[in-house]
Structure formats: C-alpha cells, structure tokens
N, C-alpha and C. Protein backbone atom coordinates (compact mmCIF):
# COMPACT_ATOMS: atom_id res chain seq x y z
N MET A 1 -32.13 -14.04 2.94
CA MET A 1 -31.92 -12.63 2.58
C MET A 1 -30.86 -12.00 3.49
N ALA A 2 -30.06 -11.20 2.90
CA ALA A 2 -29.05 -10.49 3.68
C ALA A 2 -29.68 -9.27 4.34
N THR A 3 -29.33 -9.07 5.57
CA THR A 3 -29.88 -7.92 6.29
C THR A 3 -28.94 -6.73 6.14
N ASP A 4 -29.41 -5.57 6.63
CA ASP A 4 -28.57 -4.37 6.58
C ASP A 4 -27.28 -4.61 7.35
N LYS A 5 -27.40 -5.37 8.45
CA LYS A 5 -26.22 -5.63 9.27
C LYS A 5 -25.18 -6.40 8.45
N ASP A 6 -25.65 -7.37 7.68
CA ASP A 6 -24.73 -8.15 6.83
C ASP A 6 -24.04 -7.24 5.82
N TYR A 7 -24.83 -6.36 5.22
CA TYR A 7 -24.25 -5.46 4.22
C TYR A 7 -23.22 -4.53 4.85
N ASN A 8 -23.55 -4.02 6.04
CA ASN A 8 -22.60 -3.15 6.73
C ASN A 8 -21.32 -3.89 7.05
N TYR A 9 -21.47 -5.15 7.49
CA TYR A 9 -20.30 -5.96 7.83
C TYR A 9 -19.43 -6.16 6.59
N LEU A 10 -20.07 -6.49 5.47
CA LEU A 10 -19.33 -6.70 4.23
C LEU A 10 -18.67 -5.41 3.76
N ALA A 11 -19.40 -4.31 3.90
CA ALA A 11 -18.85 -3.02 3.48
C ALA A 11 -17.63 -2.67 4.33
N ASP A 12 -17.74 -2.91 5.64
CA ASP A 12 -16.60 -2.66 6.54
C ASP A 12 -15.41 -3.52 6.15
N LYS A 13 -15.67 -4.79 5.88
CA LYS A 13 -14.58 -5.70 5.50
C LYS A 13 -13.93 -5.24 4.20
N ALA A 14 -14.76 -4.90 3.22
CA ALA A 14 -14.23 -4.44 1.94
C ALA A 14 -13.42 -3.17 2.13
N TYR A 15 -13.93 -2.28 2.98
CA TYR A 15 -13.25 -1.01 3.22
C TYR A 15 -11.89 -1.25 3.88
N SER A 16 -11.87 -2.07 4.92
CA SER A 16 -10.60 -2.31 5.62
C SER A 16 -9.62 -3.04 4.70
N PHE A 17 -10.15 -3.87 3.82
CA PHE A 17 -9.29 -4.55 2.85
C PHE A 17 -8.67 -3.53 1.91
N ASP A 18 -9.50 -2.58 1.42
CA ASP A 18 -9.00 -1.53 0.53
C ASP A 18 -7.94 -0.70 1.23
N VAL A 19 -8.20 -0.34 2.48
CA VAL A 19 -7.26 0.47 3.24
C VAL A 19 -5.93 -0.26 3.38
N ALA A 20 -6.00 -1.55 3.72
CA ALA A 20 -4.78 -2.34 3.87
C ALA A 20 -4.03 -2.40 2.55
N ARG A 21 -4.78 -2.55 1.46
CA ARG A 21 -4.14 -2.64 0.14
C ARG A 21 -3.46 -1.32 -0.21
N GLU A 22 -4.15 -0.21 0.07
CA GLU A 22 -3.56 1.10 -0.21
C GLU A 22 -2.30 1.31 0.62
N LYS A 23 -2.36 0.89 1.89
CA LYS A 23 -1.21 1.05 2.77
C LYS A 23 -0.02 0.26 2.23
N LYS A 24 -0.29 -0.98 1.79
CA LYS A 24 0.77 -1.82 1.21
C LYS A 24 1.35 -1.15 -0.01
N LYS A 25 0.48 -0.58 -0.85
CA LYS A 25 0.93 0.07 -2.08
C LYS A 25 1.85 1.23 -1.73
N VAL A 26 1.43 2.04 -0.76
CA VAL A 26 2.23 3.20 -0.36
C VAL A 26 3.57 2.75 0.20
N GLU A 27 3.54 1.73 1.06
CA GLU A 27 4.79 1.22 1.63
C GLU A 27 5.71 0.71 0.54
N TYR A 28 5.12 0.03 -0.44
CA TYR A 28 5.91 -0.50 -1.56
C TYR A 28 6.54 0.63 -2.35
N LEU A 29 5.75 1.67 -2.63
CA LEU A 29 6.26 2.80 -3.40
C LEU A 29 7.37 3.51 -2.64
N LEU A 30 7.20 3.66 -1.33
CA LEU A 30 8.24 4.30 -0.53
C LEU A 30 9.51 3.47 -0.55
N LYS A 31 9.35 2.15 -0.46
CA LYS A 31 10.51 1.26 -0.49
C LYS A 31 11.24 1.39 -1.82
N MET A 32 10.47 1.37 -2.92
CA MET A 32 11.05 1.51 -4.25
C MET A 32 11.77 2.84 -4.38
N ASP A 33 11.14 3.89 -3.85
CA ASP A 33 11.71 5.23 -3.91
C ASP A 33 13.06 5.26 -3.20
N LYS A 34 13.10 4.68 -2.00
CA LYS A 34 14.35 4.62 -1.24
C LYS A 34 15.40 3.83 -2.00
N PHE A 35 14.98 2.70 -2.55
CA PHE A 35 15.88 1.83 -3.29
C PHE A 35 16.48 2.57 -4.49
N LEU A 36 15.62 3.28 -5.24
CA LEU A 36 16.10 4.00 -6.42
C LEU A 36 17.04 5.13 -6.03
N LYS A 37 16.70 5.84 -4.96
CA LYS A 37 17.56 6.93 -4.50
C LYS A 37 18.92 6.39 -4.10
N MET A 38 18.90 5.24 -3.44
CA MET A 38 20.14 4.60 -3.01
C MET A 38 20.98 4.23 -4.22
N LYS A 39 20.32 3.65 -5.24
CA LYS A 39 21.02 3.25 -6.45
C LYS A 39 21.66 4.46 -7.13
N ILE A 40 20.88 5.54 -7.23
CA ILE A 40 21.39 6.76 -7.87
C ILE A 40 22.56 7.31 -7.06
N TYR A 41 22.40 7.29 -5.73
CA TYR A 41 23.44 7.79 -4.85
C TYR A 41 24.73 7.00 -5.03
N LEU A 42 24.61 5.68 -5.05
CA LEU A 42 25.78 4.83 -5.21
C LEU A 42 26.44 5.05 -6.57
N LYS A 43 25.59 5.20 -7.60
CA LYS A 43 26.11 5.42 -8.94
C LYS A 43 26.90 6.72 -8.99
N ASN A 44 26.39 7.75 -8.32
CA ASN A 44 27.03 9.06 -8.35
C ASN A 44 28.31 9.08 -7.52
N THR A 45 28.36 8.29 -6.45
CA THR A 45 29.55 8.31 -5.62
C THR A 45 30.66 7.45 -6.22
N LYS A 46 30.29 6.46 -7.04
CA LYS A 46 31.28 5.59 -7.66
C LYS A 46 32.12 6.35 -8.67
N SER A 47 31.46 7.12 -9.52
CA SER A 47 32.17 7.81 -10.61
C SER A 47 33.03 8.96 -10.11
C-alpha cells in the first residue's frame, strides 16, 4: 500500500514536472515571439 508520504512525493514530482513543462512552454513562446518580430523587422527594413 502506498502511504501518504508516497502520495506527497508523487504529487511533488508531478507538480515540479508540470512547472518545468510550463516554463519550457513559456520560453518556447518567447523565443518564437522574438523570432517572428525579427522576421517582420527584417521584412520591413528590406523593402
């Protein structure tokens, strides 16, 4: 049988995993945002 301690440990692990995933998602979105802005900027300066 799993004890409360086991459940807490799993919950903590799941939580930190979610946090890491959210952080990655945010970093990815920021990177994409920068990339798109750069592309738009280059397109506008070329013409």
